[in-house]
Every structure is written in structure tokens, then in C-alpha cells.
Amino acid sequence: MLNGKHFRFHRSVSGIQLMNGTASVVTIPAEGVIRVLSGPDANGKLPDKGIVYVSWEERTVAIFAVDIETRAMEVLQPERHRQRASA
């Protein structure tokens, strides 16, 4: 079960953000840290054809679960707002 876990990407990933009824493509950069909001259930079943919803930089973004599996590593103690601190 991925819900609530944090991951750091080692390659950038594209996702979809829905805001005010408008969908836009966003890129989560390499080194970006996400928190999974919804994902596989306890039986490993994915909702919405492999799409998971994640929180990234205070945005909710839909990405493919396979991108987490192939492009990210779990972070046990995520650094809060790492991207903003370096800006």
C-alpha cells in the first residue's frame, strides 16, 4: 500500500493537475519529493487504470503508479519543502 508514503524521483515525471475544471500538464523534476494520497488498496488493486494521486509542492497531481515504481525511491524521513529552501 502506497498511501501516505513519500518518494523522491531520480528522473522527472509528467502528471496532470486539475484546477478549477482545467487540466494542465506539470513536470515533477528529478529530486522532487511526493506524498501518495491515493494508490493501490490493501489487495494491490490500483484505482483508475493505474493512476495515483500525489501531493507535490502543495498541489494534487495525478501520475501513473508505474512512474513511482520505476523512477523513485521511498523516503523514510522526507525533508519538508526541500525545493523551496534551495531557491
C-alpha atoms as a PDB file:
ATOM      1  CA  MET A   1       0.000   0.000   0.000  1.00  0.00           C
ATOM      2  CA  LEU A   2       1.496   3.330  -1.079  1.00  0.00           C
ATOM      3  CA  ASN A   3      -0.930   5.705   0.658  1.00  0.00           C
ATOM      4  CA  GLY A   4       0.840   8.225   2.886  1.00  0.00           C
ATOM      5  CA  LYS A   5       4.338   7.210   1.793  1.00  0.00           C
ATOM      6  CA  HIS A   6       6.889   9.703   0.483  1.00  0.00           C
ATOM      7  CA  PHE A   7       9.056   9.172  -2.595  1.00  0.00           C
ATOM      8  CA  ARG A   8      11.894  11.084  -4.264  1.00  0.00           C
ATOM      9  CA  PHE A   9      12.192  10.862  -8.039  1.00  0.00           C
ATOM     10  CA  HIS A  10      15.546  10.260  -9.696  1.00  0.00           C
ATOM     11  CA  ARG A  11      14.087  11.241 -13.090  1.00  0.00           C
ATOM     12  CA  SER A  12      11.449  13.827 -13.940  1.00  0.00           C
ATOM     13  CA  VAL A  13       7.824  12.708 -14.267  1.00  0.00           C
ATOM     14  CA  SER A  14       4.850  14.284 -16.027  1.00  0.00           C
ATOM     15  CA  GLY A  15       1.473  14.450 -14.371  1.00  0.00           C
ATOM     16  CA  ILE A  16      -1.907  16.142 -14.651  1.00  0.00           C
ATOM     17  CA  GLN A  17      -3.152  18.810 -12.275  1.00  0.00           C
ATOM     18  CA  LEU A  18      -6.851  19.655 -12.307  1.00  0.00           C
ATOM     19  CA  MET A  19      -7.593  23.162 -11.080  1.00  0.00           C
ATOM     20  CA  ASN A  20     -10.937  24.942 -11.428  1.00  0.00           C
ATOM     21  CA  GLY A  21     -12.081  22.414 -14.020  1.00  0.00           C
ATOM     22  CA  THR A  22      -8.999  22.896 -16.215  1.00  0.00           C
ATOM     23  CA  ALA A  23      -6.388  20.187 -16.641  1.00  0.00           C
ATOM     24  CA  SER A  24      -2.763  21.155 -17.088  1.00  0.00           C
ATOM     25  CA  VAL A  25       0.411  19.149 -17.507  1.00  0.00           C
ATOM     26  CA  VAL A  26       3.002  19.557 -14.762  1.00  0.00           C
ATOM     27  CA  THR A  27       6.510  18.169 -14.535  1.00  0.00           C
ATOM     28  CA  ILE A  28       7.751  16.876 -11.230  1.00  0.00           C
ATOM     29  CA  PRO A  29      11.520  17.301 -11.532  1.00  0.00           C
ATOM     30  CA  ALA A  30      14.242  14.841 -10.631  1.00  0.00           C
ATOM     31  CA  GLU A  31      14.797  15.115  -6.863  1.00  0.00           C
ATOM     32  CA  GLY A  32      11.136  16.137  -6.425  1.00  0.00           C
ATOM     33  CA  VAL A  33       9.506  14.616  -3.333  1.00  0.00           C
ATOM     34  CA  ILE A  34       5.873  13.493  -3.386  1.00  0.00           C
ATOM     35  CA  ARG A  35       3.429  12.045  -0.853  1.00  0.00           C
ATOM     36  CA  VAL A  36       0.952   9.472  -2.166  1.00  0.00           C
ATOM     37  CA  LEU A  37      -2.652  10.461  -1.434  1.00  0.00           C
ATOM     38  CA  SER A  38      -4.396   7.514  -3.098  1.00  0.00           C
ATOM     39  CA  GLY A  39      -2.956   4.410  -4.620  1.00  0.00           C
ATOM     40  CA  PRO A  40      -3.217   0.651  -4.554  1.00  0.00           C
ATOM     41  CA  ASP A  41      -5.544  -0.747  -1.922  1.00  0.00           C
ATOM     42  CA  ALA A  42      -4.587  -3.448   0.576  1.00  0.00           C
ATOM     43  CA  ASN A  43      -5.087  -6.068  -2.163  1.00  0.00           C
ATOM     44  CA  GLY A  44      -2.736  -4.248  -4.560  1.00  0.00           C
ATOM     45  CA  LYS A  45      -5.563  -3.115  -6.833  1.00  0.00           C
ATOM     46  CA  LEU A  46      -4.995   0.254  -8.494  1.00  0.00           C
ATOM     47  CA  PRO A  47      -7.864   2.716  -8.918  1.00  0.00           C
ATOM     48  CA  ASP A  48      -8.473   4.496 -12.238  1.00  0.00           C
ATOM     49  CA  LYS A  49      -6.335   2.305 -14.509  1.00  0.00           C
ATOM     50  CA  GLY A  50      -3.022   2.733 -12.718  1.00  0.00           C
ATOM     51  CA  ILE A  51      -3.364   6.399 -11.803  1.00  0.00           C
ATOM     52  CA  VAL A  52      -2.393   7.542  -8.312  1.00  0.00           C
ATOM     53  CA  TYR A  53      -2.921  10.956  -6.783  1.00  0.00           C
ATOM     54  CA  VAL A  54       0.033  12.588  -5.091  1.00  0.00           C
ATOM     55  CA  SER A  55       0.787  15.786  -3.240  1.00  0.00           C
ATOM     56  CA  TRP A  56       3.710  17.781  -4.656  1.00  0.00           C
ATOM     57  CA  GLU A  57       4.513  21.370  -3.681  1.00  0.00           C
ATOM     58  CA  GLU A  58       1.033  21.765  -2.174  1.00  0.00           C
ATOM     59  CA  ARG A  59      -0.623  20.615  -5.416  1.00  0.00           C
ATOM     60  CA  THR A  60      -2.595  17.452  -6.101  1.00  0.00           C
ATOM     61  CA  VAL A  61      -1.256  15.754  -9.215  1.00  0.00           C
ATOM     62  CA  ALA A  62      -2.325  12.553 -10.984  1.00  0.00           C
ATOM     63  CA  ILE A  63       0.558  10.334 -12.127  1.00  0.00           C
ATOM     64  CA  PHE A  64       1.000   6.723 -13.191  1.00  0.00           C
ATOM     65  CA  ALA A  65       1.881   4.293 -10.402  1.00  0.00           C
ATOM     66  CA  VAL A  66       4.493   2.743 -12.693  1.00  0.00           C
ATOM     67  CA  ASP A  67       6.392   6.059 -12.609  1.00  0.00           C
ATOM     68  CA  ILE A  68       6.745   5.717  -8.837  1.00  0.00           C
ATOM     69  CA  GLU A  69       7.818   2.092  -9.198  1.00  0.00           C
ATOM     70  CA  THR A  70      10.447   2.794 -11.869  1.00  0.00           C
ATOM     71  CA  ARG A  71      11.631   6.355 -11.213  1.00  0.00           C
ATOM     72  CA  ALA A  72      11.503   6.879  -7.450  1.00  0.00           C
ATOM     73  CA  MET A  73      12.843   5.653  -4.142  1.00  0.00           C
ATOM     74  CA  GLU A  74      10.905   5.720  -0.885  1.00  0.00           C
ATOM     75  CA  VAL A  75      11.961   8.443   1.539  1.00  0.00           C
ATOM     76  CA  LEU A  76      11.523   7.454   5.170  1.00  0.00           C
ATOM     77  CA  GLN A  77      12.070  10.943   6.627  1.00  0.00           C
ATOM     78  CA  PRO A  78      11.266  13.460   3.887  1.00  0.00           C
ATOM     79  CA  GLU A  79      12.823  16.899   4.062  1.00  0.00           C
ATOM     80  CA  ARG A  80       9.963  19.348   4.141  1.00  0.00           C
ATOM     81  CA  HIS A  81       9.841  21.736   1.184  1.00  0.00           C
ATOM     82  CA  ARG A  82      13.390  20.927   0.064  1.00  0.00           C
ATOM     83  CA  GLN A  83      12.928  22.660  -3.305  1.00  0.00           C
ATOM     84  CA  ARG A  84      11.811  25.928  -1.720  1.00  0.00           C
ATOM     85  CA  ALA A  85      14.681  26.030   0.760  1.00  0.00           C
ATOM     86  CA  SER A  86      17.238  25.931  -2.038  1.00  0.00           C
ATOM     87  CA  ALA A  87      15.507  28.644  -4.074  1.00  0.00           C
END
